[in-house]
């Protein structure tokens, strides 16, 4: 499977994306974290998904190799607007979205504003509502670039930290060690509470889930310590047309820790619907 890297102008933002395959369009949205990119999240599965679909995986503003914002200001509206612009720039009228963590939140946010552009959604390790910041998220926000600090952050993510090798650490460290690379992470998560109390993260309100009008497949690692499994249950309770699949002995990186199961679940779910894309 030929994997291509390209760029496209999205409202003046030079946007880097990966692409593979032909057919109905599926857009993969990466999560957050120091040094994260479309490649770090999706390189291991994009070929398998591209065997049956046209798969595109952009780097969102503030991450990967897409242009950083000069003001270093990011929020869910920025990422949702950029996703809509990305679809427009590539002439994608209607797509399926697969979102990892932050990417799942962006997919759901777009679904609430432009449901007509989305066929269906896969939300993986996706946060919703208010919750105390987890040690993994706090470590990502406080990260200062070094290979040792990168490994320490990454070890929060999988169920079995032996999954992490030196090449993974070095790739993410290199991506994180650029001016502006940590701005998006620090906009995404609140600073520690000034009074030393609990720091609360506020995601997509649970009440909004009732307005998600397309089928949603929820995938989550049972032992996820970054976005706990309770979030999957919140999504499943709140979205009327949803399915939930839990992976045991699995943390936050379902697509890496349970690659084959992830691919089977996603392809099966996408195959149930009408063709997406243009």
Protein backbone atom coordinates (compact mmCIF):
# COMPACT_ATOMS: atom_id res chain seq x y z
CA UNK A 1 0.00 0.00 0.00
CA UNK A 2 1.49 3.31 -1.14
CA UNK A 3 1.46 5.88 1.68
CA UNK A 4 1.77 9.46 0.50
CA UNK A 5 2.59 12.64 2.44
CA UNK A 6 1.31 15.91 1.01
CA UNK A 7 0.33 19.43 2.02
CA UNK A 8 -2.75 21.53 1.34
CA UNK A 9 -3.61 25.13 2.11
CA UNK A 10 -6.45 25.36 4.63
CA UNK A 11 -7.48 29.00 5.00
CA UNK A 12 -3.85 30.10 4.86
CA UNK A 13 -2.53 27.27 7.07
CA UNK A 14 -0.11 24.91 5.35
CA UNK A 15 -1.47 21.55 6.45
CA UNK A 16 0.48 18.31 6.24
CA UNK A 17 -1.45 15.06 5.78
CA UNK A 18 -0.95 11.39 4.98
CA UNK A 19 -3.04 9.62 2.37
CA UNK A 20 -3.46 6.01 1.24
CA UNK A 21 -5.96 4.00 -0.77
CA UNK A 22 -8.97 4.77 -2.91
CA UNK A 23 -12.73 4.63 -2.46
CA UNK A 24 -14.95 6.12 0.21
CA UNK A 25 -13.23 8.79 2.29
CA UNK A 26 -12.16 8.20 5.89
CA UNK A 27 -10.37 10.93 7.85
CA UNK A 28 -8.19 9.93 10.82
CA UNK A 29 -7.78 12.53 13.59
CA UNK A 30 -4.84 12.12 15.97
CA UNK A 31 -4.84 12.77 19.69
CA UNK A 32 -2.85 15.25 21.75
CA UNK A 33 0.40 14.88 23.65
CA UNK A 34 4.00 16.02 23.25
CA UNK A 35 5.40 15.20 19.83
CA UNK A 36 2.16 13.71 18.53
CA UNK A 37 1.34 13.67 14.81
CA UNK A 38 -0.82 11.83 12.33
CA UNK A 39 2.14 9.56 11.61
CA UNK A 40 2.79 8.67 15.26
CA UNK A 41 -0.88 7.76 15.76
CA UNK A 42 -1.80 6.13 12.49
CA UNK A 43 1.24 4.86 10.55
CA UNK A 44 0.66 1.30 11.75
CA UNK A 45 -2.96 1.07 10.57
CA UNK A 46 -3.39 3.46 7.65
CA UNK A 47 -2.28 0.82 5.14
CA UNK A 48 -4.80 -1.76 6.35
CA UNK A 49 -7.61 0.79 6.32
CA UNK A 50 -6.44 2.09 2.94
CA UNK A 51 -6.96 -1.36 1.41
CA UNK A 52 -10.70 -0.60 1.41
CA UNK A 53 -10.99 3.19 1.67
CA UNK A 54 -9.38 6.46 0.73
CA UNK A 55 -7.77 7.33 4.06
CA UNK A 56 -6.51 10.81 4.95
CA UNK A 57 -4.78 11.75 8.20
CA UNK A 58 -4.02 15.45 8.75
CA UNK A 59 -1.78 17.00 11.37
CA UNK A 60 -4.01 19.41 13.28
CA UNK A 61 -2.77 22.97 13.94
CA UNK A 62 -0.28 22.95 16.81
CA UNK A 63 0.78 19.37 16.16
CA UNK A 64 2.97 17.44 13.75
CA UNK A 65 4.19 19.33 10.68
CA UNK A 66 1.18 21.56 10.04
CA UNK A 67 1.93 25.25 10.56
CA UNK A 68 1.82 26.49 14.14
CA UNK A 69 -0.32 29.51 14.93
CA UNK A 70 1.83 32.62 15.43
CA UNK A 71 -0.19 33.57 18.53
CA UNK A 72 0.09 30.06 20.02
CA UNK A 73 -3.66 30.12 20.70
CA UNK A 74 -5.63 26.90 20.24
CA UNK A 75 -9.03 25.56 21.25
CA UNK A 76 -11.75 23.16 20.06
CA UNK A 77 -13.16 25.83 17.72
CA UNK A 78 -9.77 26.21 16.01
CA UNK A 79 -9.43 22.48 15.47
CA UNK A 80 -13.03 22.00 14.36
CA UNK A 81 -12.84 24.91 11.94
CA UNK A 82 -9.58 23.58 10.55
CA UNK A 83 -11.10 20.12 10.01
CA UNK A 84 -14.03 21.63 8.11
CA UNK A 85 -11.59 23.67 6.02
CA UNK A 86 -9.52 20.56 5.34
CA UNK A 87 -12.58 18.74 4.00
CA UNK A 88 -13.44 21.74 1.82
CA UNK A 89 -9.88 22.12 0.52
CA UNK A 90 -9.85 18.49 -0.66
CA UNK A 91 -13.42 18.54 -1.99
CA UNK A 92 -14.67 15.96 0.51
CA UNK A 93 -18.40 16.47 0.82
CA UNK A 94 -19.16 13.67 3.29
CA UNK A 95 -16.73 11.45 5.18
CA UNK A 96 -16.36 8.99 8.01
CA UNK A 97 -14.23 10.24 10.89
CA UNK A 98 -11.99 8.16 13.16
CA UNK A 99 -10.84 10.23 16.12
CA UNK A 100 -8.30 9.29 18.77
CA UNK A 101 -8.72 11.08 22.14
CA UNK A 102 -8.68 14.81 21.25
CA UNK A 103 -9.43 13.76 17.67
CA UNK A 104 -12.61 12.04 18.83
CA UNK A 105 -13.69 15.22 20.61
CA UNK A 106 -13.04 17.24 17.44
CA UNK A 107 -15.07 14.74 15.40
CA UNK A 108 -18.02 14.99 17.79
CA UNK A 109 -17.79 18.79 17.87
CA UNK A 110 -17.99 18.89 14.07
CA UNK A 111 -20.93 16.46 14.18
CA UNK A 112 -22.86 18.93 16.34
CA UNK A 113 -22.30 21.79 13.89
CA UNK A 114 -22.13 20.13 10.47
CA UNK A 115 -23.79 16.73 10.69
CA UNK A 116 -24.38 16.79 6.94
CA UNK A 117 -20.62 16.35 6.35
CA UNK A 118 -20.25 13.17 8.42
CA UNK A 119 -21.41 9.67 7.59
CA UNK A 120 -20.35 8.05 10.87
CA UNK A 121 -17.76 8.37 13.62
CA UNK A 122 -15.32 6.12 15.45
CA UNK A 123 -14.40 7.72 18.81
CA UNK A 124 -11.44 6.06 20.52
CA UNK A 125 -10.27 6.96 24.03
CA UNK A 126 -12.37 10.11 23.78
CA UNK A 127 -13.01 12.36 26.79
CA UNK A 128 -16.38 13.92 27.59
CA UNK A 129 -17.73 16.08 30.40
CA UNK A 130 -15.74 17.31 33.39
CA UNK A 131 -13.11 15.18 35.11
CA UNK A 132 -10.05 15.49 37.33
CA UNK A 133 -6.87 15.72 35.30
CA UNK A 134 -5.08 12.37 35.16
CA UNK A 135 -1.36 11.96 35.83
CA UNK A 136 -0.76 11.21 32.15
CA UNK A 137 -2.42 14.41 30.97
CA UNK A 138 -0.71 16.45 33.68
CA UNK A 139 2.66 15.03 32.66
CA UNK A 140 1.99 15.93 29.03
CA UNK A 141 1.14 19.51 29.93
CA UNK A 142 4.22 19.96 32.13
CA UNK A 143 6.60 18.29 29.66
CA UNK A 144 9.89 20.00 28.84
CA UNK A 145 11.74 18.45 25.89
CA UNK A 146 14.28 15.72 26.57
CA UNK A 147 14.33 12.05 25.56
CA UNK A 148 14.06 11.01 29.22
CA UNK A 149 11.04 13.24 29.85
CA UNK A 150 9.40 12.01 26.64
CA UNK A 151 9.75 8.37 27.70
CA UNK A 152 8.30 9.21 31.13
CA UNK A 153 5.25 10.85 29.51
CA UNK A 154 4.76 8.03 27.01
CA UNK A 155 4.82 5.35 29.72
CA UNK A 156 1.46 6.61 30.98
CA UNK A 157 -0.25 5.64 27.73
CA UNK A 158 -0.03 1.88 27.04
CA UNK A 159 -1.07 -0.92 29.39
CA UNK A 160 2.35 -2.52 28.87
CA UNK A 161 5.13 0.11 28.71
CA UNK A 162 7.46 -2.37 27.00
CA UNK A 163 5.58 -1.42 23.82
CA UNK A 164 7.61 1.81 23.83
CA UNK A 165 10.96 1.52 22.06
CA UNK A 166 13.82 3.96 21.56
CA UNK A 167 12.75 4.79 18.00
CA UNK A 168 9.28 5.86 19.17
CA UNK A 169 10.76 8.00 21.91
CA UNK A 170 13.26 9.68 19.59
CA UNK A 171 10.68 10.41 16.89
CA UNK A 172 8.29 12.06 19.31
CA UNK A 173 11.07 13.88 21.13
CA UNK A 174 12.34 15.36 17.85
CA UNK A 175 8.82 16.54 16.94
CA UNK A 176 8.37 18.05 20.39
CA UNK A 177 11.68 19.92 20.42
CA UNK A 178 10.60 22.76 18.13
CA UNK A 179 9.59 26.30 19.14
CA UNK A 180 5.81 26.37 19.66
CA UNK A 181 5.40 22.60 19.78
CA UNK A 182 4.02 22.59 23.33
CA UNK A 183 1.62 25.54 22.95
CA UNK A 184 -1.39 23.48 21.86
CA UNK A 185 -1.01 21.08 24.76
CA UNK A 186 -0.92 23.93 27.25
CA UNK A 187 -4.00 25.55 25.70
CA UNK A 188 -5.86 22.24 25.74
CA UNK A 189 -5.39 21.50 29.45
CA UNK A 190 -5.81 23.77 32.47
CA UNK A 191 -2.87 24.84 34.60
CA UNK A 192 -2.62 23.21 38.03
CA UNK A 193 -5.13 24.65 40.48
CA UNK A 194 -3.60 27.65 42.28
CA UNK A 195 -4.88 26.50 45.66
CA UNK A 196 -3.32 23.07 45.29
CA UNK A 197 -6.73 21.47 44.91
CA UNK A 198 -8.05 19.21 42.17
CA UNK A 199 -7.47 20.41 38.60
CA UNK A 200 -10.61 19.90 36.51
CA UNK A 201 -10.58 19.34 32.75
CA UNK A 202 -13.71 20.40 30.87
CA UNK A 203 -14.52 18.57 27.66
CA UNK A 204 -17.56 18.36 25.42
CA UNK A 205 -20.65 18.64 27.69
CA UNK A 206 -22.42 15.33 28.24
CA UNK A 207 -25.73 17.05 27.52
CA UNK A 208 -24.56 17.71 23.93
CA UNK A 209 -24.26 14.00 23.17
CA UNK A 210 -28.02 13.65 22.70
CA UNK A 211 -27.68 15.81 19.58
CA UNK A 212 -25.12 13.56 17.84
CA UNK A 213 -27.23 12.31 14.96
CA UNK A 214 -25.10 9.69 13.21
CA UNK A 215 -23.85 6.20 14.16
CA UNK A 216 -20.87 6.21 16.51
CA UNK A 217 -18.55 3.32 17.37
CA UNK A 218 -16.83 3.82 20.73
CA UNK A 219 -13.50 2.02 21.25
CA UNK A 220 -11.66 2.19 24.57
CA UNK A 221 -8.93 0.39 26.45
CA UNK A 222 -10.28 -0.97 29.74
CA UNK A 223 -7.07 -0.02 31.57
CA UNK A 224 -6.75 3.44 30.01
CA UNK A 225 -5.06 5.65 32.63
CA UNK A 226 -5.07 8.81 30.50
CA UNK A 227 -8.80 8.95 29.67
CA UNK A 228 -10.42 6.42 32.02
CA UNK A 229 -12.92 3.87 30.73
CA UNK A 230 -15.80 5.72 32.42
CA UNK A 231 -15.67 8.19 29.52
CA UNK A 232 -16.59 5.43 27.08
CA UNK A 233 -19.63 4.62 29.21
CA UNK A 234 -20.62 8.29 29.25
CA UNK A 235 -20.45 8.42 25.47
CA UNK A 236 -22.40 5.20 25.09
CA UNK A 237 -25.13 6.37 27.48
CA UNK A 238 -25.38 9.78 25.82
CA UNK A 239 -25.31 8.91 22.09
CA UNK A 240 -28.46 7.12 21.01
CA UNK A 241 -27.00 5.36 17.95
CA UNK A 242 -23.77 4.08 19.50
CA UNK A 243 -21.90 0.83 19.93
CA UNK A 244 -19.15 0.21 22.48
CA UNK A 245 -16.23 -2.20 22.29
CA UNK A 246 -13.79 -2.46 25.20
CA UNK A 247 -10.28 -3.91 24.84
CA UNK A 248 -8.95 -5.69 27.92
CA UNK A 249 -5.30 -5.34 29.00
CA UNK A 250 -5.20 -2.20 26.90
CA UNK A 251 -4.43 1.42 27.70
CA UNK A 252 -4.91 4.62 25.70
CA UNK A 253 -3.27 3.49 22.45
CA UNK A 254 -5.83 1.00 21.13
CA UNK A 255 -4.60 1.36 17.53
CA UNK A 256 -1.06 0.40 18.64
CA UNK A 257 -1.77 -2.04 21.48
CA UNK A 258 -4.61 -3.90 19.73
CA UNK A 259 -3.86 -3.13 16.10
CA UNK A 260 -5.62 -6.08 14.46
CA UNK A 261 -8.69 -5.78 16.66
CA UNK A 262 -8.85 -2.04 16.00
CA UNK A 263 -8.70 -2.57 12.23
CA UNK A 264 -11.40 -5.26 12.35
CA UNK A 265 -13.71 -3.10 14.43
CA UNK A 266 -13.27 -0.02 12.25
CA UNK A 267 -13.58 -1.78 8.90
CA UNK A 268 -16.63 -3.70 10.09
CA UNK A 269 -18.31 -0.54 11.31
CA UNK A 270 -17.51 1.45 8.17
CA UNK A 271 -18.74 -1.39 5.98
CA UNK A 272 -22.20 -1.25 7.57
CA UNK A 273 -23.08 2.18 6.16
CA UNK A 274 -23.69 3.87 2.86
CA UNK A 275 -20.57 4.95 0.97
CA UNK A 276 -18.89 8.05 2.36
CA UNK A 277 -16.74 10.58 0.57
CA UNK A 278 -17.36 12.50 -2.59
